């Protein structure tokens, strides 16, 4: 298991999620930081 931490702009979240799913990564924890 590997842990990846990233800061992603909200408008790009769907693109990133789709790209991760294509690589076989299906579990995400998303935290909104203000």
PDB file of N, CA and C in Angstrom:
ATOM      1  N   UNK A   1       0.843  -1.166   0.000  1.00  0.00           N
ATOM      2  CA  UNK A   1       0.000   0.000   0.000  1.00  0.00           C
ATOM      3  C   UNK A   1       0.893   1.235   0.000  1.00  0.00           C
ATOM      4  N   UNK A   2       0.475   2.234  -0.759  1.00  0.00           N
ATOM      5  CA  UNK A   2       1.210   3.493  -0.815  1.00  0.00           C
ATOM      6  C   UNK A   2       0.268   4.634  -0.480  1.00  0.00           C
ATOM      7  N   UNK A   3       0.814   5.640   0.157  1.00  0.00           N
ATOM      8  CA  UNK A   3       0.037   6.825   0.505  1.00  0.00           C
ATOM      9  C   UNK A   3       0.479   7.973  -0.390  1.00  0.00           C
ATOM     10  N   UNK A   4      -0.504   8.635  -0.986  1.00  0.00           N
ATOM     11  CA  UNK A   4      -0.235   9.795  -1.833  1.00  0.00           C
ATOM     12  C   UNK A   4      -0.994  10.977  -1.242  1.00  0.00           C
ATOM     13  N   UNK A   5      -0.293  12.065  -0.992  1.00  0.00           N
ATOM     14  CA  UNK A   5      -0.935  13.300  -0.539  1.00  0.00           C
ATOM     15  C   UNK A   5      -0.754  14.341  -1.634  1.00  0.00           C
ATOM     16  N   UNK A   6      -1.836  15.039  -1.965  1.00  0.00           N
ATOM     17  CA  UNK A   6      -1.756  16.027  -3.035  1.00  0.00           C
ATOM     18  C   UNK A   6      -2.682  17.196  -2.738  1.00  0.00           C
ATOM     19  N   UNK A   7      -2.298  18.347  -3.222  1.00  0.00           N
ATOM     20  CA  UNK A   7      -3.161  19.529  -3.178  1.00  0.00           C
ATOM     21  C   UNK A   7      -3.654  19.737  -4.608  1.00  0.00           C
ATOM     22  N   UNK A   8      -4.964  19.654  -4.775  1.00  0.00           N
ATOM     23  CA  UNK A   8      -5.558  19.688  -6.116  1.00  0.00           C
ATOM     24  C   UNK A   8      -6.631  20.770  -6.146  1.00  0.00           C
ATOM     25  N   UNK A   9      -6.628  21.552  -7.195  1.00  0.00           N
ATOM     26  CA  UNK A   9      -7.664  22.575  -7.358  1.00  0.00           C
ATOM     27  C   UNK A   9      -9.028  21.883  -7.500  1.00  0.00           C
ATOM     28  N   UNK A  10     -10.053  22.443  -6.858  1.00  0.00           N
ATOM     29  CA  UNK A  10     -11.378  21.802  -6.901  1.00  0.00           C
ATOM     30  C   UNK A  10     -11.885  21.540  -8.317  1.00  0.00           C
ATOM     31  N   UNK A  11     -11.610  22.434  -9.240  1.00  0.00           N
ATOM     32  CA  UNK A  11     -12.109  22.251 -10.610  1.00  0.00           C
ATOM     33  C   UNK A  11     -11.402  21.121 -11.357  1.00  0.00           C
ATOM     34  N   UNK A  12     -10.270  20.649 -10.847  1.00  0.00           N
ATOM     35  CA  UNK A  12      -9.529  19.552 -11.487  1.00  0.00           C
ATOM     36  C   UNK A  12      -9.783  18.199 -10.821  1.00  0.00           C
ATOM     37  N   UNK A  13     -10.571  18.188  -9.736  1.00  0.00           N
ATOM     38  CA  UNK A  13     -10.742  16.969  -8.954  1.00  0.00           C
ATOM     39  C   UNK A  13     -11.275  15.810  -9.781  1.00  0.00           C
ATOM     40  N   UNK A  14     -12.270  16.060 -10.630  1.00  0.00           N
ATOM     41  CA  UNK A  14     -12.843  14.970 -11.425  1.00  0.00           C
ATOM     42  C   UNK A  14     -11.818  14.391 -12.393  1.00  0.00           C
ATOM     43  N   UNK A  15     -10.989  15.235 -12.985  1.00  0.00           N
ATOM     44  CA  UNK A  15      -9.944  14.752 -13.890  1.00  0.00           C
ATOM     45  C   UNK A  15      -8.959  13.856 -13.153  1.00  0.00           C
ATOM     46  N   UNK A  16      -8.547  14.288 -11.977  1.00  0.00           N
ATOM     47  CA  UNK A  16      -7.580  13.523 -11.186  1.00  0.00           C
ATOM     48  C   UNK A  16      -8.195  12.198 -10.751  1.00  0.00           C
ATOM     49  N   UNK A  17      -9.429  12.234 -10.282  1.00  0.00           N
ATOM     50  CA  UNK A  17     -10.107  11.012  -9.843  1.00  0.00           C
ATOM     51  C   UNK A  17     -10.226  10.019 -10.997  1.00  0.00           C
ATOM     52  N   UNK A  18     -10.615  10.491 -12.178  1.00  0.00           N
ATOM     53  CA  UNK A  18     -10.735   9.614 -13.343  1.00  0.00           C
ATOM     54  C   UNK A  18      -9.389   9.002 -13.718  1.00  0.00           C
ATOM     55  N   UNK A  19      -8.325   9.800 -13.673  1.00  0.00           N
ATOM     56  CA  UNK A  19      -6.989   9.300 -14.012  1.00  0.00           C
ATOM     57  C   UNK A  19      -6.536   8.241 -13.005  1.00  0.00           C
ATOM     58  N   UNK A  20      -6.817   8.457 -11.727  1.00  0.00           N
ATOM     59  CA  UNK A  20      -6.452   7.466 -10.713  1.00  0.00           C
ATOM     60  C   UNK A  20      -7.237   6.172 -10.904  1.00  0.00           C
ATOM     61  N   UNK A  21      -8.518   6.275 -11.222  1.00  0.00           N
ATOM     62  CA  UNK A  21      -9.332   5.081 -11.450  1.00  0.00           C
ATOM     63  C   UNK A  21      -8.821   4.290 -12.644  1.00  0.00           C
ATOM     64  N   UNK A  22      -8.346   4.968 -13.678  1.00  0.00           N
ATOM     65  CA  UNK A  22      -7.770   4.280 -14.833  1.00  0.00           C
ATOM     66  C   UNK A  22      -6.545   3.470 -14.444  1.00  0.00           C
ATOM     67  N   UNK A  23      -5.850   3.903 -13.392  1.00  0.00           N
ATOM     68  CA  UNK A  23      -4.658   3.199 -12.913  1.00  0.00           C
ATOM     69  C   UNK A  23      -5.001   2.146 -11.853  1.00  0.00           C
ATOM     70  N   UNK A  24      -6.280   1.956 -11.582  1.00  0.00           N
ATOM     71  CA  UNK A  24      -6.704   0.938 -10.635  1.00  0.00           C
ATOM     72  C   UNK A  24      -6.814   1.408  -9.199  1.00  0.00           C
ATOM     73  N   UNK A  25      -6.791   2.721  -8.979  1.00  0.00           N
ATOM     74  CA  UNK A  25      -6.915   3.282  -7.631  1.00  0.00           C
ATOM     75  C   UNK A  25      -8.352   3.768  -7.470  1.00  0.00           C
ATOM     76  N   UNK A  26      -9.090   3.120  -6.543  1.00  0.00           N
ATOM     77  CA  UNK A  26     -10.515   3.424  -6.422  1.00  0.00           C
ATOM     78  C   UNK A  26     -10.895   4.049  -5.086  1.00  0.00           C
ATOM     79  N   UNK A  27     -10.021   4.048  -4.105  1.00  0.00           N
ATOM     80  CA  UNK A  27     -10.348   4.608  -2.799  1.00  0.00           C
ATOM     81  C   UNK A  27      -9.700   5.964  -2.599  1.00  0.00           C
ATOM     82  N   UNK A  28     -10.494   6.956  -2.207  1.00  0.00           N
ATOM     83  CA  UNK A  28      -9.977   8.307  -1.979  1.00  0.00           C
ATOM     84  C   UNK A  28     -10.568   8.885  -0.699  1.00  0.00           C
ATOM     85  N   UNK A  29      -9.802   9.669  -0.020  1.00  0.00           N
ATOM     86  CA  UNK A  29     -10.292  10.523   1.060  1.00  0.00           C
ATOM     87  C   UNK A  29     -10.046  11.949   0.608  1.00  0.00           C
ATOM     88  N   UNK A  30     -11.097  12.740   0.610  1.00  0.00           N
ATOM     89  CA  UNK A  30     -10.993  14.124   0.149  1.00  0.00           C
ATOM     90  C   UNK A  30     -11.333  15.049   1.309  1.00  0.00           C
ATOM     91  N   UNK A  31     -10.454  16.004   1.571  1.00  0.00           N
ATOM     92  CA  UNK A  31     -10.665  16.977   2.634  1.00  0.00           C
ATOM     93  C   UNK A  31     -10.568  18.370   2.021  1.00  0.00           C
ATOM     94  N   UNK A  32     -11.590  19.174   2.251  1.00  0.00           N
ATOM     95  CA  UNK A  32     -11.591  20.546   1.757  1.00  0.00           C
ATOM     96  C   UNK A  32     -10.835  21.427   2.747  1.00  0.00           C
ATOM     97  N   UNK A  33      -9.842  22.134   2.257  1.00  0.00           N
ATOM     98  CA  UNK A  33      -9.031  23.011   3.093  1.00  0.00           C
ATOM     99  C   UNK A  33      -9.289  24.447   2.660  1.00  0.00           C
ATOM    100  N   UNK A  34      -9.593  25.298   3.625  1.00  0.00           N
ATOM    101  CA  UNK A  34      -9.862  26.696   3.277  1.00  0.00           C
ATOM    102  C   UNK A  34      -8.865  27.608   3.943  1.00  0.00           C
TER     103      UNK A  34
END
